[in-house]
C-alpha cells in the first residue's frame, strides 16, 4: 500500500460516503487497528470484506465505486500516500 493506490479525488469523494455511512459505527482508530493487523494481505480482500458486510444494516448496498472511495479515504486518513496507476497525486 505504500505505492499510492488511490487518488485524492477518490479520497475526497469517499469522505462524504464515510461520514454518511460509516462514521457512526467506525471511527478512524478502528481502521488503524484493522490495517495494522491486515498483515500485507491484498487490499482487494479488505474491499471485498467491507462490501460484503457493510453497512451492517444493508450489506452491499453501496455502489462499487463508493466502497472504493471509502477505502481511499480511510487510507488517506491513516497516512498512506495517494498516487499510483497514472492517477493524480
N, C-alpha and C. Protein backbone atom coordinates (compact mmCIF):
# COMPACT_ATOMS: atom_id res chain seq x y z
N UNK A 1 0.81 -1.19 0.00
CA UNK A 1 0.00 0.00 0.00
C UNK A 1 0.85 1.26 0.00
N UNK A 2 2.14 1.15 0.12
CA UNK A 2 2.97 2.34 0.19
C UNK A 2 3.22 2.96 -1.18
N UNK A 3 2.77 2.33 -2.27
CA UNK A 3 2.99 2.85 -3.61
C UNK A 3 1.94 3.87 -4.04
N UNK A 4 0.92 4.10 -3.27
CA UNK A 4 -0.14 5.02 -3.66
C UNK A 4 -1.16 4.34 -4.54
N UNK A 5 -2.20 3.81 -3.95
CA UNK A 5 -3.18 3.00 -4.69
C UNK A 5 -4.52 3.70 -4.84
N UNK A 6 -4.59 4.96 -4.48
CA UNK A 6 -5.83 5.72 -4.61
C UNK A 6 -5.49 7.14 -5.07
N UNK A 7 -6.49 7.85 -5.53
CA UNK A 7 -6.30 9.24 -5.92
C UNK A 7 -6.88 10.16 -4.85
N UNK A 8 -6.45 11.40 -4.87
CA UNK A 8 -7.01 12.39 -3.95
C UNK A 8 -8.50 12.57 -4.21
N UNK A 9 -8.91 12.51 -5.48
CA UNK A 9 -10.33 12.65 -5.82
C UNK A 9 -11.15 11.51 -5.20
N UNK A 10 -10.61 10.30 -5.22
CA UNK A 10 -11.31 9.17 -4.59
C UNK A 10 -11.45 9.40 -3.10
N UNK A 11 -10.38 9.84 -2.46
CA UNK A 11 -10.41 10.06 -1.01
C UNK A 11 -11.41 11.16 -0.64
N UNK A 12 -11.43 12.22 -1.43
CA UNK A 12 -12.36 13.32 -1.18
C UNK A 12 -13.80 12.84 -1.31
N UNK A 13 -14.07 12.09 -2.36
CA UNK A 13 -15.41 11.54 -2.56
C UNK A 13 -15.77 10.55 -1.46
N UNK A 14 -14.79 9.75 -1.05
CA UNK A 14 -15.01 8.76 -0.01
C UNK A 14 -15.34 9.35 1.34
N UNK A 15 -14.84 10.55 1.61
CA UNK A 15 -15.13 11.18 2.90
C UNK A 15 -16.63 11.40 3.08
N UNK A 16 -17.31 11.84 2.04
CA UNK A 16 -18.75 12.05 2.13
C UNK A 16 -19.51 10.76 2.41
N UNK A 17 -19.12 9.69 1.74
CA UNK A 17 -19.76 8.39 1.95
C UNK A 17 -19.45 7.89 3.36
N UNK A 18 -18.19 8.01 3.77
CA UNK A 18 -17.78 7.60 5.11
C UNK A 18 -18.59 8.34 6.17
N UNK A 19 -18.68 9.65 6.02
CA UNK A 19 -19.42 10.45 7.01
C UNK A 19 -20.88 10.03 7.08
N UNK A 20 -21.47 9.69 5.95
CA UNK A 20 -22.89 9.32 5.91
C UNK A 20 -23.15 7.87 6.30
N UNK A 21 -22.22 6.97 5.98
CA UNK A 21 -22.50 5.54 6.12
C UNK A 21 -21.67 4.81 7.18
N UNK A 22 -20.51 5.32 7.53
CA UNK A 22 -19.56 4.54 8.34
C UNK A 22 -19.25 5.17 9.70
N UNK A 23 -19.20 6.46 9.72
CA UNK A 23 -18.68 7.21 10.87
C UNK A 23 -19.41 6.92 12.18
N UNK A 24 -20.70 6.67 12.13
CA UNK A 24 -21.44 6.46 13.37
C UNK A 24 -21.03 5.19 14.10
N UNK A 25 -20.51 4.20 13.35
CA UNK A 25 -20.10 2.94 13.98
C UNK A 25 -18.59 2.75 14.04
N UNK A 26 -17.85 3.35 13.10
CA UNK A 26 -16.42 3.10 12.98
C UNK A 26 -15.66 4.42 12.95
N UNK A 27 -14.88 4.67 13.99
CA UNK A 27 -14.01 5.84 13.96
C UNK A 27 -12.69 5.45 13.31
N UNK A 28 -11.83 6.42 13.08
CA UNK A 28 -10.57 6.14 12.39
C UNK A 28 -9.64 5.23 13.19
N UNK A 29 -9.78 5.21 14.49
CA UNK A 29 -8.96 4.29 15.29
C UNK A 29 -9.29 2.84 14.94
N UNK A 30 -10.57 2.56 14.71
CA UNK A 30 -10.99 1.23 14.30
C UNK A 30 -10.22 0.79 13.05
N UNK A 31 -10.12 1.68 12.07
CA UNK A 31 -9.43 1.34 10.82
C UNK A 31 -7.93 1.26 11.01
N UNK A 32 -7.39 2.09 11.86
CA UNK A 32 -5.95 2.00 12.15
C UNK A 32 -5.63 0.61 12.69
N UNK A 33 -6.44 0.16 13.65
CA UNK A 33 -6.22 -1.16 14.23
C UNK A 33 -6.46 -2.27 13.20
N UNK A 34 -7.46 -2.11 12.35
CA UNK A 34 -7.74 -3.09 11.31
C UNK A 34 -6.57 -3.19 10.33
N UNK A 35 -6.09 -2.05 9.87
CA UNK A 35 -4.98 -2.06 8.91
C UNK A 35 -3.69 -2.57 9.54
N UNK A 36 -3.50 -2.29 10.80
CA UNK A 36 -2.30 -2.77 11.50
C UNK A 36 -2.28 -4.30 11.54
N UNK A 37 -3.43 -4.91 11.65
CA UNK A 37 -3.49 -6.37 11.73
C UNK A 37 -3.76 -7.02 10.37
N UNK A 38 -3.73 -6.25 9.30
CA UNK A 38 -4.07 -6.77 7.98
C UNK A 38 -2.97 -7.66 7.42
N UNK A 39 -1.74 -7.56 7.90
CA UNK A 39 -0.64 -8.46 7.56
C UNK A 39 -0.33 -8.53 6.07
N UNK A 40 -0.32 -7.39 5.42
CA UNK A 40 0.05 -7.29 4.00
C UNK A 40 -0.81 -8.13 3.06
N UNK A 41 -2.01 -8.43 3.44
CA UNK A 41 -2.93 -9.11 2.53
C UNK A 41 -3.32 -8.13 1.43
N UNK A 42 -3.75 -8.63 0.27
CA UNK A 42 -4.16 -7.72 -0.81
C UNK A 42 -5.28 -6.79 -0.36
N UNK A 43 -5.21 -5.57 -0.80
CA UNK A 43 -6.22 -4.58 -0.47
C UNK A 43 -7.60 -5.00 -0.99
N UNK A 44 -7.60 -5.76 -2.06
CA UNK A 44 -8.86 -6.27 -2.61
C UNK A 44 -9.62 -7.08 -1.56
N UNK A 45 -8.92 -7.82 -0.72
CA UNK A 45 -9.59 -8.60 0.33
C UNK A 45 -10.31 -7.70 1.32
N UNK A 46 -9.70 -6.56 1.64
CA UNK A 46 -10.36 -5.60 2.54
C UNK A 46 -11.60 -5.04 1.86
N UNK A 47 -11.47 -4.68 0.60
CA UNK A 47 -12.60 -4.14 -0.16
C UNK A 47 -13.75 -5.15 -0.18
N UNK A 48 -13.44 -6.42 -0.48
CA UNK A 48 -14.47 -7.46 -0.52
C UNK A 48 -15.11 -7.67 0.85
N UNK A 49 -14.30 -7.61 1.90
CA UNK A 49 -14.81 -7.79 3.25
C UNK A 49 -15.78 -6.67 3.62
N UNK A 50 -15.38 -5.45 3.34
CA UNK A 50 -16.25 -4.30 3.64
C UNK A 50 -17.51 -4.35 2.79
N UNK A 51 -17.36 -4.64 1.50
CA UNK A 51 -18.52 -4.69 0.62
C UNK A 51 -19.51 -5.77 1.07
N UNK A 52 -19.01 -6.88 1.52
CA UNK A 52 -19.88 -7.99 1.90
C UNK A 52 -20.53 -7.86 3.26
N UNK A 53 -20.06 -6.91 4.07
CA UNK A 53 -20.58 -6.81 5.43
C UNK A 53 -21.08 -5.43 5.83
N UNK A 54 -20.83 -4.42 5.01
CA UNK A 54 -21.18 -3.05 5.39
C UNK A 54 -22.02 -2.38 4.31
N UNK A 55 -22.84 -1.44 4.69
CA UNK A 55 -23.21 -1.11 6.07
C UNK A 55 -23.93 -2.28 6.73
N UNK A 56 -23.77 -2.36 8.01
CA UNK A 56 -24.27 -3.52 8.76
C UNK A 56 -25.76 -3.76 8.55
N UNK A 57 -26.52 -2.69 8.38
CA UNK A 57 -27.97 -2.85 8.23
C UNK A 57 -28.39 -3.11 6.78
N UNK A 58 -27.43 -3.05 5.84
CA UNK A 58 -27.75 -3.30 4.44
C UNK A 58 -26.47 -3.59 3.64
N UNK A 59 -25.80 -4.71 3.96
CA UNK A 59 -24.53 -5.02 3.30
C UNK A 59 -24.64 -5.03 1.77
N UNK A 60 -23.61 -4.50 1.13
CA UNK A 60 -23.56 -4.50 -0.32
C UNK A 60 -24.43 -3.45 -0.98
N UNK A 61 -25.01 -2.55 -0.20
CA UNK A 61 -25.96 -1.59 -0.75
C UNK A 61 -25.32 -0.38 -1.42
N UNK A 62 -24.03 -0.17 -1.20
CA UNK A 62 -23.36 0.95 -1.85
C UNK A 62 -22.88 0.52 -3.24
N UNK A 63 -22.62 1.50 -4.09
CA UNK A 63 -22.05 1.20 -5.40
C UNK A 63 -20.58 0.80 -5.21
N UNK A 64 -20.06 -0.01 -6.13
CA UNK A 64 -18.66 -0.45 -6.04
C UNK A 64 -17.73 0.74 -5.88
N UNK A 65 -17.98 1.79 -6.64
CA UNK A 65 -17.14 2.98 -6.57
C UNK A 65 -17.18 3.62 -5.19
N UNK A 66 -18.33 3.59 -4.53
CA UNK A 66 -18.43 4.15 -3.19
C UNK A 66 -17.58 3.37 -2.20
N UNK A 67 -17.59 2.04 -2.30
CA UNK A 67 -16.73 1.24 -1.42
C UNK A 67 -15.26 1.57 -1.68
N UNK A 68 -14.90 1.67 -2.94
CA UNK A 68 -13.52 2.01 -3.31
C UNK A 68 -13.13 3.37 -2.74
N UNK A 69 -13.99 4.34 -2.87
CA UNK A 69 -13.70 5.69 -2.39
C UNK A 69 -13.61 5.76 -0.87
N UNK A 70 -14.44 5.01 -0.19
CA UNK A 70 -14.36 4.96 1.27
C UNK A 70 -13.01 4.39 1.70
N UNK A 71 -12.56 3.34 1.05
CA UNK A 71 -11.26 2.77 1.39
C UNK A 71 -10.15 3.79 1.09
N UNK A 72 -10.28 4.52 -0.02
CA UNK A 72 -9.30 5.56 -0.32
C UNK A 72 -9.25 6.60 0.79
N UNK A 73 -10.40 7.01 1.27
CA UNK A 73 -10.45 7.99 2.37
C UNK A 73 -9.81 7.41 3.64
N UNK A 74 -10.12 6.18 3.95
CA UNK A 74 -9.54 5.53 5.13
C UNK A 74 -8.02 5.48 5.01
N UNK A 75 -7.52 5.07 3.84
CA UNK A 75 -6.07 5.01 3.63
C UNK A 75 -5.43 6.39 3.78
N UNK A 76 -6.08 7.40 3.22
CA UNK A 76 -5.54 8.76 3.35
C UNK A 76 -5.47 9.17 4.82
N UNK A 77 -6.53 8.93 5.55
CA UNK A 77 -6.57 9.31 6.97
C UNK A 77 -5.56 8.53 7.80
N UNK A 78 -5.15 7.37 7.31
CA UNK A 78 -4.16 6.57 8.03
C UNK A 78 -2.74 6.87 7.58
N UNK A 79 -2.58 7.85 6.68
CA UNK A 79 -1.26 8.31 6.29
C UNK A 79 -0.66 7.63 5.07
N UNK A 80 -1.44 6.80 4.36
CA UNK A 80 -0.93 6.19 3.15
C UNK A 80 -0.94 7.21 2.02
N UNK A 81 0.06 7.17 1.14
CA UNK A 81 0.15 8.19 0.08
C UNK A 81 -0.84 7.93 -1.06
N UNK A 82 -1.26 9.01 -1.68
CA UNK A 82 -2.08 8.89 -2.89
C UNK A 82 -1.15 8.76 -4.09
N UNK A 83 -1.75 8.49 -5.25
CA UNK A 83 -0.98 8.38 -6.48
C UNK A 83 -1.18 7.04 -7.11
N UNK A 84 -0.17 6.55 -7.79
CA UNK A 84 -0.24 5.24 -8.41
C UNK A 84 -1.03 5.21 -9.70
N UNK A 85 -0.92 4.15 -10.39
CA UNK A 85 -1.57 3.83 -11.67
C UNK A 85 -1.85 5.03 -12.56
N UNK A 86 -0.91 5.97 -12.62
CA UNK A 86 -1.02 7.12 -13.51
C UNK A 86 -2.05 8.13 -13.10
N UNK A 87 -2.56 8.03 -11.88
CA UNK A 87 -3.59 8.95 -11.40
C UNK A 87 -2.96 10.19 -10.81
N UNK A 88 -3.82 11.15 -10.50
CA UNK A 88 -3.32 12.37 -9.87
C UNK A 88 -2.68 12.08 -8.54
N UNK A 89 -1.74 12.89 -8.14
CA UNK A 89 -1.06 12.69 -6.86
C UNK A 89 -1.48 13.71 -5.86
